């Protein structure tokens, strides 16, 4: 279960872990660079993906369901792309963007102007869009 960050502890996910017990064996590992991890640089995405594989190896697990929260979300997506044979499933919760800054600069600019990011289009599932039409 990759946590958010980088730079944030895995401990905020402790409550989420209890939601998966007793139905699953759950492992929450601390990403490199944060205590108690003793691993340091490099800390790029490629290395973080290798770390996911290394955690699975250390556990003796050939495959796993992997869940990533916040920054852990893009990490899981990169892991799916790099080592798909090691994952039975991937769950991504409240992720940042998987590329670049995830649109943070655009989001901040829009928030500072009080403007919407883009005009909403029709909604899926027949829900009304902003102009009242059904999608």
C-alpha atoms as a PDB file:
ATOM      1  CA  UNK A   1       0.000   0.000   0.000  1.00  0.00           C
ATOM      2  CA  UNK A   2       2.033   3.029  -1.181  1.00  0.00           C
ATOM      3  CA  UNK A   3       1.215   6.110   0.837  1.00  0.00           C
ATOM      4  CA  UNK A   4       0.968   9.762  -0.105  1.00  0.00           C
ATOM      5  CA  UNK A   5       3.833  12.168  -0.199  1.00  0.00           C
ATOM      6  CA  UNK A   6       6.585  11.959  -1.113  1.00  0.00           C
ATOM      7  CA  UNK A   7       7.623  13.336   2.212  1.00  0.00           C
ATOM      8  CA  UNK A   8       4.620  12.152   4.189  1.00  0.00           C
ATOM      9  CA  UNK A   9       4.584   9.278   6.625  1.00  0.00           C
ATOM     10  CA  UNK A  10       2.583   6.120   5.990  1.00  0.00           C
ATOM     11  CA  UNK A  11       0.944   6.392   9.430  1.00  0.00           C
ATOM     12  CA  UNK A  12      -2.184   8.312   8.289  1.00  0.00           C
ATOM     13  CA  UNK A  13      -3.214   5.126   6.464  1.00  0.00           C
ATOM     14  CA  UNK A  14      -3.297   3.025   9.634  1.00  0.00           C
ATOM     15  CA  UNK A  15      -7.080   3.423   9.892  1.00  0.00           C
ATOM     16  CA  UNK A  16      -7.542   2.339   6.290  1.00  0.00           C
ATOM     17  CA  UNK A  17      -5.561  -0.818   6.957  1.00  0.00           C
ATOM     18  CA  UNK A  18      -8.077  -1.928   9.595  1.00  0.00           C
ATOM     19  CA  UNK A  19     -10.843  -1.705   6.961  1.00  0.00           C
ATOM     20  CA  UNK A  20      -9.149  -4.497   4.990  1.00  0.00           C
ATOM     21  CA  UNK A  21      -8.604  -6.794   7.961  1.00  0.00           C
ATOM     22  CA  UNK A  22      -9.339  -9.647   8.517  1.00  0.00           C
ATOM     23  CA  UNK A  23     -10.127 -10.359   4.838  1.00  0.00           C
ATOM     24  CA  UNK A  24      -6.646  -9.605   3.495  1.00  0.00           C
ATOM     25  CA  UNK A  25      -3.024  -9.772   4.516  1.00  0.00           C
ATOM     26  CA  UNK A  26      -2.063  -6.096   4.497  1.00  0.00           C
ATOM     27  CA  UNK A  27       1.407  -4.590   4.262  1.00  0.00           C
ATOM     28  CA  UNK A  28       2.008  -0.878   4.534  1.00  0.00           C
ATOM     29  CA  UNK A  29       5.570   0.040   3.711  1.00  0.00           C
ATOM     30  CA  UNK A  30       7.382   3.309   4.283  1.00  0.00           C
ATOM     31  CA  UNK A  31       8.779   4.808   1.071  1.00  0.00           C
ATOM     32  CA  UNK A  32      12.496   5.440   0.873  1.00  0.00           C
ATOM     33  CA  UNK A  33      13.826   8.590   2.471  1.00  0.00           C
ATOM     34  CA  UNK A  34      11.403   8.556   5.408  1.00  0.00           C
ATOM     35  CA  UNK A  35      12.189   6.918   8.753  1.00  0.00           C
ATOM     36  CA  UNK A  36      12.251   4.071   9.567  1.00  0.00           C
ATOM     37  CA  UNK A  37      13.329   3.387   5.962  1.00  0.00           C
ATOM     38  CA  UNK A  38      17.097   3.550   5.697  1.00  0.00           C
ATOM     39  CA  UNK A  39      17.044   3.643   1.870  1.00  0.00           C
ATOM     40  CA  UNK A  40      18.045   6.967   0.347  1.00  0.00           C
ATOM     41  CA  UNK A  41      18.489   8.417  -3.140  1.00  0.00           C
ATOM     42  CA  UNK A  42      17.753   7.877  -5.891  1.00  0.00           C
ATOM     43  CA  UNK A  43      14.100   8.466  -5.156  1.00  0.00           C
ATOM     44  CA  UNK A  44      12.664   8.920  -8.652  1.00  0.00           C
ATOM     45  CA  UNK A  45       9.549   7.162  -9.930  1.00  0.00           C
ATOM     46  CA  UNK A  46      11.534   4.341 -11.528  1.00  0.00           C
ATOM     47  CA  UNK A  47      13.255   3.578  -8.239  1.00  0.00           C
ATOM     48  CA  UNK A  48       9.977   3.762  -6.330  1.00  0.00           C
ATOM     49  CA  UNK A  49       8.430   1.239  -8.752  1.00  0.00           C
ATOM     50  CA  UNK A  50      11.416  -1.067  -8.221  1.00  0.00           C
ATOM     51  CA  UNK A  51      10.867  -0.665  -4.480  1.00  0.00           C
ATOM     52  CA  UNK A  52       7.286  -1.939  -4.831  1.00  0.00           C
ATOM     53  CA  UNK A  53       8.661  -5.027  -6.573  1.00  0.00           C
ATOM     54  CA  UNK A  54      11.328  -5.410  -3.890  1.00  0.00           C
ATOM     55  CA  UNK A  55       8.708  -5.274  -1.135  1.00  0.00           C
ATOM     56  CA  UNK A  56       6.743  -8.023  -2.893  1.00  0.00           C
ATOM     57  CA  UNK A  57       9.953 -10.060  -3.258  1.00  0.00           C
ATOM     58  CA  UNK A  58      10.840  -9.615   0.416  1.00  0.00           C
ATOM     59  CA  UNK A  59       7.365 -10.820   1.383  1.00  0.00           C
ATOM     60  CA  UNK A  60       7.626 -13.793  -0.969  1.00  0.00           C
ATOM     61  CA  UNK A  61       4.481 -12.680  -2.812  1.00  0.00           C
ATOM     62  CA  UNK A  62       4.399 -13.327  -6.551  1.00  0.00           C
ATOM     63  CA  UNK A  63       1.349 -11.072  -6.988  1.00  0.00           C
ATOM     64  CA  UNK A  64      -0.673  -8.660  -4.889  1.00  0.00           C
ATOM     65  CA  UNK A  65      -3.541  -6.221  -4.942  1.00  0.00           C
ATOM     66  CA  UNK A  66      -1.871  -2.835  -4.550  1.00  0.00           C
ATOM     67  CA  UNK A  67      -3.594   0.296  -3.263  1.00  0.00           C
ATOM     68  CA  UNK A  68      -2.110   3.771  -3.552  1.00  0.00           C
ATOM     69  CA  UNK A  69      -3.373   6.982  -1.952  1.00  0.00           C
ATOM     70  CA  UNK A  70      -2.506  10.522  -3.121  1.00  0.00           C
ATOM     71  CA  UNK A  71       1.070  10.308  -4.487  1.00  0.00           C
ATOM     72  CA  UNK A  72       0.770   6.551  -4.010  1.00  0.00           C
ATOM     73  CA  UNK A  73      -1.914   6.594  -6.741  1.00  0.00           C
ATOM     74  CA  UNK A  74       0.420   7.617  -9.571  1.00  0.00           C
ATOM     75  CA  UNK A  75       3.042   5.286  -8.131  1.00  0.00           C
ATOM     76  CA  UNK A  76       0.575   2.401  -8.431  1.00  0.00           C
ATOM     77  CA  UNK A  77      -0.255   3.421 -12.021  1.00  0.00           C
ATOM     78  CA  UNK A  78       3.447   3.470 -12.923  1.00  0.00           C
ATOM     79  CA  UNK A  79       3.806   0.088 -11.209  1.00  0.00           C
ATOM     80  CA  UNK A  80       0.940  -1.336 -13.270  1.00  0.00           C
ATOM     81  CA  UNK A  81       2.701  -0.158 -16.430  1.00  0.00           C
ATOM     82  CA  UNK A  82       6.149  -1.421 -15.393  1.00  0.00           C
ATOM     83  CA  UNK A  83       5.435  -4.760 -13.693  1.00  0.00           C
ATOM     84  CA  UNK A  84       1.839  -5.738 -14.546  1.00  0.00           C
ATOM     85  CA  UNK A  85       2.514  -9.439 -13.977  1.00  0.00           C
ATOM     86  CA  UNK A  86       3.139  -8.734 -10.270  1.00  0.00           C
ATOM     87  CA  UNK A  87      -0.295  -7.148  -9.667  1.00  0.00           C
ATOM     88  CA  UNK A  88      -3.640  -8.938  -9.460  1.00  0.00           C
ATOM     89  CA  UNK A  89      -5.422  -5.603  -9.152  1.00  0.00           C
ATOM     90  CA  UNK A  90      -4.706  -1.947  -8.466  1.00  0.00           C
ATOM     91  CA  UNK A  91      -6.764   0.492  -6.433  1.00  0.00           C
ATOM     92  CA  UNK A  92      -6.059   4.206  -6.762  1.00  0.00           C
ATOM     93  CA  UNK A  93      -7.562   6.535  -4.132  1.00  0.00           C
ATOM     94  CA  UNK A  94      -7.581  10.332  -4.466  1.00  0.00           C
ATOM     95  CA  UNK A  95      -4.512  10.402  -6.746  1.00  0.00           C
ATOM     96  CA  UNK A  96      -2.437  13.263  -7.917  1.00  0.00           C
ATOM     97  CA  UNK A  97      -1.950  13.521 -11.686  1.00  0.00           C
ATOM     98  CA  UNK A  98       0.185  10.746 -13.130  1.00  0.00           C
ATOM     99  CA  UNK A  99       2.264  13.112 -15.264  1.00  0.00           C
ATOM    100  CA  UNK A 100       3.962  16.420 -14.633  1.00  0.00           C
ATOM    101  CA  UNK A 101       2.511  18.348 -11.748  1.00  0.00           C
ATOM    102  CA  UNK A 102      -0.934  16.785 -12.198  1.00  0.00           C
ATOM    103  CA  UNK A 103      -2.401  20.108 -13.281  1.00  0.00           C
ATOM    104  CA  UNK A 104      -1.554  21.801  -9.985  1.00  0.00           C
ATOM    105  CA  UNK A 105      -0.452  25.053 -11.652  1.00  0.00           C
ATOM    106  CA  UNK A 106      -3.668  25.287 -13.703  1.00  0.00           C
ATOM    107  CA  UNK A 107      -5.759  24.430 -10.647  1.00  0.00           C
ATOM    108  CA  UNK A 108      -4.047  27.062  -8.497  1.00  0.00           C
ATOM    109  CA  UNK A 109      -4.408  29.723 -11.196  1.00  0.00           C
ATOM    110  CA  UNK A 110      -8.118  28.973 -11.582  1.00  0.00           C
ATOM    111  CA  UNK A 111      -8.669  28.987  -7.817  1.00  0.00           C
ATOM    112  CA  UNK A 112      -6.886  32.328  -7.465  1.00  0.00           C
ATOM    113  CA  UNK A 113      -9.087  33.821 -10.196  1.00  0.00           C
ATOM    114  CA  UNK A 114     -12.230  32.206  -8.876  1.00  0.00           C
ATOM    115  CA  UNK A 115     -12.856  30.780 -12.365  1.00  0.00           C
ATOM    116  CA  UNK A 116     -13.838  27.234 -13.279  1.00  0.00           C
ATOM    117  CA  UNK A 117     -11.118  25.027 -14.718  1.00  0.00           C
ATOM    118  CA  UNK A 118     -13.203  24.418 -17.821  1.00  0.00           C
ATOM    119  CA  UNK A 119     -16.797  24.609 -18.899  1.00  0.00           C
ATOM    120  CA  UNK A 120     -18.562  21.429 -17.869  1.00  0.00           C
ATOM    121  CA  UNK A 121     -19.916  19.274 -20.644  1.00  0.00           C
ATOM    122  CA  UNK A 122     -22.801  16.842 -20.575  1.00  0.00           C
ATOM    123  CA  UNK A 123     -22.638  14.393 -17.710  1.00  0.00           C
ATOM    124  CA  UNK A 124     -22.630  10.649 -18.094  1.00  0.00           C
ATOM    125  CA  UNK A 125     -25.474   8.660 -16.629  1.00  0.00           C
ATOM    126  CA  UNK A 126     -28.212  11.090 -17.660  1.00  0.00           C
ATOM    127  CA  UNK A 127     -27.500  13.636 -14.944  1.00  0.00           C
ATOM    128  CA  UNK A 128     -28.089  17.276 -15.865  1.00  0.00           C
ATOM    129  CA  UNK A 129     -25.156  19.366 -17.024  1.00  0.00           C
ATOM    130  CA  UNK A 130     -24.737  23.014 -16.020  1.00  0.00           C
ATOM    131  CA  UNK A 131     -27.143  24.159 -18.758  1.00  0.00           C
ATOM    132  CA  UNK A 132     -29.821  21.685 -17.616  1.00  0.00           C
ATOM    133  CA  UNK A 133     -29.559  19.305 -20.589  1.00  0.00           C
ATOM    134  CA  UNK A 134     -29.224  15.626 -19.892  1.00  0.00           C
ATOM    135  CA  UNK A 135     -26.066  13.794 -20.982  1.00  0.00           C
END
